[in-house]
Amino acid sequence: MSVVEEKLPERPARRDHIPLGIFYMLAATVMFAGSSALSKWQVVTYPIGEVLFVRTLTSLALCALLILPAAGLAVFRTQRPRDHLMRGFAQASSQTFIIIAFSLMPLAGAVAINFSSPLFATLVSAIVLKEAVGAARWGVLIVGFLGVVIVAVPGADTFQLGALFALANAVIYGSVTAAVRGMTATESAETLTIYQMVVLTVIFSAFLPFGFVTPTPGDAALMAVNGAANALGQYWWTRALHLAPASAVAPFFYFSLVWAIIIGFAVWGDVPTVGLLIGSAIVVCSGLFLLLRESRR
């Protein structure tokens, strides 16, 4: 071994802060549930593209206000511009699909189907990355998909269509979660958040020519609140994945279902059905099993 090789500095190991990561993930679930409820209410009156653009623009403004004074323009320094762009397009598709799902089905049902994202992430890893998937994991995937079917409860056409959009969101969300965890090796939570908001704002601005309704002052204020809640949720979610392994913090994302059921009942009078509760329990348990298995590995 040469002298040069002996003097190469070792890369410092990442230090995880699991309790703090869990706290950020729980806080993010509250913000996401509130933002989802506001979005579901707003798309009844306003075009989906407008709701997404105003929400993201407000989120970008708030993130810039919080991040730039401390980090400055250095926050835009990145080693992975292409990854940020790809992540932005993926999340734009994911957010569009879930907003459409909210407009077509009960809030809690769409959220429950979204919880199948770890199942799809595992399936994609097996097909695309050629990762070995044993009999136990295949069994969990099948059971988890059964839970999704129970939640969907084929019935009215709009409900079936909403479930399909929710499923599309779950597939993309599972992939994005894994990608973000990988990007945190080189990118800070602030850089990940600011790039996400910039890319999303640009993408959603392209929706405006297809429909725009001037909001009332009260609705405009609620759109701003929606954006602020989404910004905090996105930042805290990214921060949680930055502070701790996904296997440690992702299970706490399931608290979103609790808030969604409460809000759905309080605002729209959506009474949780037996199918929703049973299907949600199956999906959640399947996701938790996969996360626990990956954590042990």
Protein backbone atom coordinates (compact mmCIF):
# COMPACT_ATOMS: atom_id res chain seq x y z
CA MET A 1 0.00 0.00 0.00
CA SER A 2 1.40 3.42 -0.96
CA VAL A 3 1.79 6.41 1.33
CA VAL A 4 -0.90 8.25 -0.61
CA GLU A 5 -3.37 5.44 -0.04
CA GLU A 6 -2.57 5.32 3.67
CA LYS A 7 -3.32 9.03 4.09
CA LEU A 8 -6.68 9.00 2.35
CA PRO A 9 -9.23 10.28 4.90
CA GLU A 10 -12.06 7.97 5.75
CA ARG A 11 -15.55 9.26 5.03
CA PRO A 12 -17.28 9.99 8.33
CA ALA A 13 -20.19 7.70 9.09
CA ARG A 14 -23.64 9.26 9.18
CA ARG A 15 -25.01 9.72 12.69
CA ASP A 16 -28.70 9.00 12.97
CA HIS A 17 -30.99 10.84 15.40
CA ILE A 18 -33.99 8.52 15.46
CA PRO A 19 -36.14 10.15 18.21
CA LEU A 20 -35.87 13.56 16.55
CA GLY A 21 -36.58 12.00 13.16
CA ILE A 22 -39.73 10.39 14.55
CA PHE A 23 -40.87 13.73 15.98
CA TYR A 24 -40.42 15.43 12.59
CA MET A 25 -42.32 12.63 10.82
CA LEU A 26 -45.27 12.90 13.24
CA ALA A 27 -45.35 16.68 12.81
CA ALA A 28 -45.28 16.20 9.05
CA THR A 29 -48.33 13.91 9.18
CA VAL A 30 -50.38 16.63 10.87
CA MET A 31 -49.39 19.17 8.21
CA PHE A 32 -50.03 16.76 5.34
CA ALA A 33 -53.46 15.80 6.66
CA GLY A 34 -54.46 19.45 6.96
CA SER A 35 -53.11 20.28 3.50
CA SER A 36 -54.88 17.26 1.98
CA ALA A 37 -58.19 18.29 3.51
CA LEU A 38 -57.85 21.86 2.25
CA SER A 39 -56.94 20.60 -1.23
CA LYS A 40 -59.94 18.27 -1.31
CA TRP A 41 -62.21 21.17 -0.37
CA GLN A 42 -60.63 23.62 -2.86
CA VAL A 43 -60.76 21.40 -5.98
CA VAL A 44 -64.55 21.44 -5.76
CA THR A 45 -64.47 25.12 -6.78
CA TYR A 46 -61.08 25.65 -8.41
CA PRO A 47 -59.13 23.78 -11.14
CA ILE A 48 -56.70 21.17 -9.86
CA GLY A 49 -53.76 22.84 -11.63
CA GLU A 50 -54.53 26.17 -9.95
CA VAL A 51 -54.77 24.59 -6.50
CA LEU A 52 -51.45 22.79 -7.00
CA PHE A 53 -49.70 25.89 -8.36
CA VAL A 54 -50.86 28.29 -5.63
CA ARG A 55 -50.08 25.73 -2.93
CA THR A 56 -46.59 25.09 -4.26
CA LEU A 57 -45.84 28.77 -4.94
CA THR A 58 -46.78 29.62 -1.35
CA SER A 59 -44.69 26.70 -0.13
CA LEU A 60 -41.72 27.95 -2.14
CA ALA A 61 -42.07 31.48 -0.74
CA LEU A 62 -42.23 30.18 2.84
CA CYS A 63 -39.29 27.81 2.34
CA ALA A 64 -37.21 30.61 0.83
CA LEU A 65 -38.10 32.87 3.75
CA LEU A 66 -37.02 30.23 6.27
CA ILE A 67 -34.00 28.76 4.47
CA LEU A 68 -32.28 31.53 2.49
CA PRO A 69 -31.51 33.93 5.39
CA ALA A 70 -29.57 31.17 7.15
CA ALA A 71 -28.11 29.21 4.23
CA GLY A 72 -27.89 31.89 1.56
CA LEU A 73 -27.51 31.02 -2.11
CA ALA A 74 -25.17 28.20 -1.09
CA VAL A 75 -28.31 26.12 -0.57
CA PHE A 76 -28.53 25.78 -4.38
CA ARG A 77 -25.12 24.11 -4.60
CA THR A 78 -25.69 20.51 -5.54
CA GLN A 79 -23.87 17.52 -6.93
CA ARG A 80 -27.06 15.99 -8.29
CA PRO A 81 -29.05 18.43 -10.46
CA ARG A 82 -30.47 15.66 -12.62
CA ASP A 83 -31.69 13.76 -9.56
CA HIS A 84 -33.43 16.88 -8.24
CA LEU A 85 -35.15 17.37 -11.60
CA MET A 86 -36.26 13.74 -11.81
CA ARG A 87 -37.51 13.85 -8.23
CA GLY A 88 -39.47 17.02 -9.00
CA PHE A 89 -41.22 15.46 -12.01
CA ALA A 90 -42.00 12.33 -10.01
CA GLN A 91 -43.48 14.30 -7.13
CA ALA A 92 -45.44 16.53 -9.52
CA SER A 93 -47.08 13.42 -10.94
CA SER A 94 -47.62 11.98 -7.45
CA GLN A 95 -49.24 15.14 -6.10
CA THR A 96 -51.45 15.52 -9.15
CA PHE A 97 -52.71 11.94 -8.85
CA ILE A 98 -53.46 12.18 -5.13
CA ILE A 99 -55.34 15.49 -5.55
CA ILE A 100 -57.48 13.89 -8.26
CA ALA A 101 -58.08 10.93 -5.94
CA PHE A 102 -59.17 13.29 -3.15
CA SER A 103 -61.74 14.82 -5.50
CA LEU A 104 -63.21 11.42 -6.38
CA MET A 105 -63.26 9.49 -3.09
CA PRO A 106 -63.28 9.95 0.71
CA LEU A 107 -60.12 11.44 2.20
CA ALA A 108 -59.33 8.48 4.47
CA GLY A 109 -59.73 5.98 1.62
CA ALA A 110 -57.20 7.79 -0.59
CA VAL A 111 -54.77 8.10 2.32
CA ALA A 112 -55.13 4.40 3.16
CA ILE A 113 -54.35 3.35 -0.41
CA ASN A 114 -51.33 5.66 -0.36
CA PHE A 115 -49.98 3.55 2.50
CA SER A 116 -49.38 0.71 0.05
CA SER A 117 -46.34 2.63 -1.25
CA PRO A 118 -43.80 0.43 0.65
CA LEU A 119 -45.34 -2.61 -1.04
CA PHE A 120 -44.89 -1.10 -4.48
CA ALA A 121 -41.37 0.02 -3.60
CA THR A 122 -40.50 -3.59 -2.77
CA LEU A 123 -42.13 -4.84 -5.97
CA VAL A 124 -40.26 -2.30 -8.10
CA SER A 125 -36.98 -3.25 -6.40
CA ALA A 126 -37.61 -6.89 -7.23
CA ILE A 127 -38.49 -6.23 -10.89
CA VAL A 128 -36.19 -3.34 -11.78
CA LEU A 129 -33.25 -3.77 -9.41
CA LYS A 130 -33.43 -7.58 -9.48
CA GLU A 131 -33.38 -7.75 -5.68
CA ALA A 132 -34.11 -11.15 -4.17
CA VAL A 133 -37.62 -11.40 -2.75
CA GLY A 134 -38.29 -14.48 -0.65
CA ALA A 135 -41.54 -16.32 -0.12
CA ALA A 136 -42.33 -14.31 3.03
CA ARG A 137 -42.03 -10.95 1.26
CA TRP A 138 -44.08 -12.16 -1.72
CA GLY A 139 -46.74 -13.31 0.74
CA VAL A 140 -46.79 -9.89 2.41
CA LEU A 141 -47.07 -8.17 -0.97
CA ILE A 142 -50.06 -10.29 -1.94
CA VAL A 143 -51.77 -9.72 1.41
CA GLY A 144 -51.06 -6.00 1.20
CA PHE A 145 -52.60 -5.72 -2.26
CA LEU A 146 -55.63 -7.57 -0.93
CA GLY A 147 -55.95 -4.85 1.70
CA VAL A 148 -55.88 -2.20 -1.04
CA VAL A 149 -58.69 -4.01 -2.87
CA ILE A 150 -60.75 -4.12 0.33
CA VAL A 151 -60.27 -0.37 0.83
CA ALA A 152 -61.23 0.33 -2.77
CA VAL A 153 -64.49 -1.70 -2.46
CA PRO A 154 -65.52 -1.72 -6.13
CA GLY A 155 -68.78 0.15 -6.43
CA ALA A 156 -69.52 3.50 -8.03
CA ASP A 157 -67.42 4.29 -11.09
CA THR A 158 -66.02 7.47 -9.56
CA PHE A 159 -64.85 5.59 -6.49
CA GLN A 160 -63.05 3.00 -8.62
CA LEU A 161 -61.43 5.72 -10.70
CA GLY A 162 -60.34 7.58 -7.57
CA ALA A 163 -58.75 4.40 -6.22
CA LEU A 164 -56.74 4.03 -9.43
CA PHE A 165 -55.34 7.54 -9.06
CA ALA A 166 -54.53 6.84 -5.42
CA LEU A 167 -52.72 3.66 -6.46
CA ALA A 168 -50.70 5.56 -9.07
CA ASN A 169 -49.68 8.02 -6.36
CA ALA A 170 -48.66 5.15 -4.06
CA VAL A 171 -46.37 3.64 -6.71
CA ILE A 172 -44.58 6.94 -7.32
CA TYR A 173 -44.45 7.91 -3.64
CA GLY A 174 -42.74 4.64 -2.72
CA SER A 175 -40.04 5.25 -5.30
CA VAL A 176 -39.54 8.89 -4.25
CA THR A 177 -39.13 7.94 -0.57
CA ALA A 178 -36.28 5.57 -1.40
CA ALA A 179 -34.70 8.13 -3.74
CA VAL A 180 -34.77 10.91 -1.12
CA ARG A 181 -33.07 8.71 1.46
CA GLY A 182 -30.32 8.01 -1.06
CA MET A 183 -29.91 11.70 -1.93
CA THR A 184 -29.46 12.71 1.72
CA ALA A 185 -25.96 11.21 1.58
CA THR A 186 -24.82 14.31 -0.35
CA GLU A 187 -27.70 16.81 -0.10
CA SER A 188 -28.95 18.69 2.96
CA ALA A 189 -32.62 18.78 3.92
CA GLU A 190 -32.66 22.47 2.98
CA THR A 191 -31.26 21.81 -0.50
CA LEU A 192 -33.68 18.94 -1.10
CA THR A 193 -36.64 21.06 -0.02
CA ILE A 194 -35.80 24.22 -1.96
CA TYR A 195 -35.09 22.36 -5.20
CA GLN A 196 -38.29 20.38 -4.82
CA MET A 197 -40.38 23.53 -4.44
CA VAL A 198 -38.68 25.33 -7.34
CA VAL A 199 -39.14 22.42 -9.75
CA LEU A 200 -42.75 21.81 -8.67
CA THR A 201 -43.67 25.49 -9.02
CA VAL A 202 -42.32 25.59 -12.57
CA ILE A 203 -44.11 22.38 -13.54
CA PHE A 204 -47.47 23.37 -12.04
CA SER A 205 -47.31 26.81 -13.67
CA ALA A 206 -47.74 24.99 -16.99
CA PHE A 207 -51.23 23.92 -15.80
CA LEU A 208 -52.56 27.47 -15.49
CA PRO A 209 -53.43 28.07 -19.18
CA PHE A 210 -55.84 25.13 -18.97
CA GLY A 211 -57.96 26.71 -16.25
CA PHE A 212 -57.86 29.53 -13.71
CA VAL A 213 -60.60 30.96 -11.47
CA THR A 214 -59.92 34.14 -9.52
CA PRO A 215 -60.27 33.16 -5.85
CA THR A 216 -62.19 35.18 -3.28
CA PRO A 217 -60.07 36.84 -0.55
CA GLY A 218 -61.10 34.15 1.94
CA ASP A 219 -60.31 31.32 -0.45
CA ALA A 220 -57.00 32.94 -1.38
CA ALA A 221 -56.07 33.05 2.30
CA LEU A 222 -56.94 29.36 2.71
CA MET A 223 -54.85 28.54 -0.36
CA ALA A 224 -51.94 30.31 1.31
CA VAL A 225 -52.54 28.32 4.51
CA ASN A 226 -52.61 25.16 2.39
CA GLY A 227 -49.25 26.08 0.90
CA ALA A 228 -47.75 26.86 4.30
CA ALA A 229 -48.92 23.53 5.74
CA ASN A 230 -47.59 21.67 2.70
CA ALA A 231 -44.22 23.46 2.96
CA LEU A 232 -43.78 22.59 6.61
CA GLY A 233 -44.90 19.03 5.96
CA GLN A 234 -42.47 18.57 3.07
CA TYR A 235 -39.57 20.06 5.02
CA TRP A 236 -40.25 18.05 8.17
CA TRP A 237 -40.74 14.85 6.12
CA THR A 238 -37.43 15.43 4.34
CA ARG A 239 -35.79 16.30 7.64
CA ALA A 240 -37.06 13.07 9.21
CA LEU A 241 -35.53 10.98 6.40
CA HIS A 242 -32.32 12.97 6.76
CA LEU A 243 -32.08 12.33 10.51
CA ALA A 244 -32.97 8.64 10.64
CA PRO A 245 -33.34 5.52 8.46
CA ALA A 246 -36.62 5.21 6.61
CA SER A 247 -37.29 1.96 8.48
CA ALA A 248 -37.27 3.89 11.76
CA VAL A 249 -39.41 6.90 10.84
CA ALA A 250 -41.66 5.70 7.98
CA PRO A 251 -43.99 3.65 10.25
CA PHE A 252 -45.04 6.86 11.99
CA PHE A 253 -46.27 8.25 8.68
CA TYR A 254 -49.26 5.94 9.16
CA PHE A 255 -50.61 8.40 11.73
CA SER A 256 -51.80 10.37 8.68
CA LEU A 257 -54.68 7.90 8.46
CA VAL A 258 -55.85 8.78 11.97
CA TRP A 259 -55.94 12.50 11.16
CA ALA A 260 -57.62 11.80 7.79
CA ILE A 261 -60.41 9.76 9.40
CA ILE A 262 -61.01 12.47 12.02
CA ILE A 263 -61.04 15.31 9.46
CA GLY A 264 -63.15 13.34 6.98
CA PHE A 265 -65.79 12.69 9.62
CA ALA A 266 -65.73 16.24 11.04
CA VAL A 267 -65.86 18.08 7.69
CA TRP A 268 -67.62 15.76 5.21
CA GLY A 269 -69.37 13.36 7.56
CA ASP A 270 -67.45 10.38 6.16
CA VAL A 271 -68.11 7.51 8.57
CA PRO A 272 -65.30 4.91 8.37
CA THR A 273 -66.66 1.72 6.83
CA VAL A 274 -65.77 -1.77 8.00
CA GLY A 275 -63.99 -2.32 4.69
CA LEU A 276 -61.90 0.82 5.16
CA LEU A 277 -60.85 -0.15 8.68
CA ILE A 278 -60.06 -3.78 7.80
CA GLY A 279 -58.32 -2.94 4.54
CA SER A 280 -56.32 -0.14 6.16
CA ALA A 281 -55.22 -2.46 8.96
CA ILE A 282 -54.02 -5.03 6.42
CA VAL A 283 -52.13 -2.44 4.36
CA VAL A 284 -50.54 -0.83 7.44
CA CYS A 285 -49.49 -4.18 8.95
CA SER A 286 -48.03 -5.29 5.61
CA GLY A 287 -46.02 -2.09 5.30
CA LEU A 288 -44.81 -2.30 8.88
CA PHE A 289 -43.72 -5.92 8.37
CA LEU A 290 -41.64 -4.93 5.34
CA LEU A 291 -40.09 -1.99 7.18
CA LEU A 292 -39.24 -4.14 10.21
CA ARG A 293 -37.75 -6.83 7.98
CA GLU A 294 -35.60 -4.31 6.12
CA SER A 295 -34.49 -2.74 9.39
CA ARG A 296 -33.29 -6.12 10.72
CA ARG A 297 -31.46 -6.81 7.48
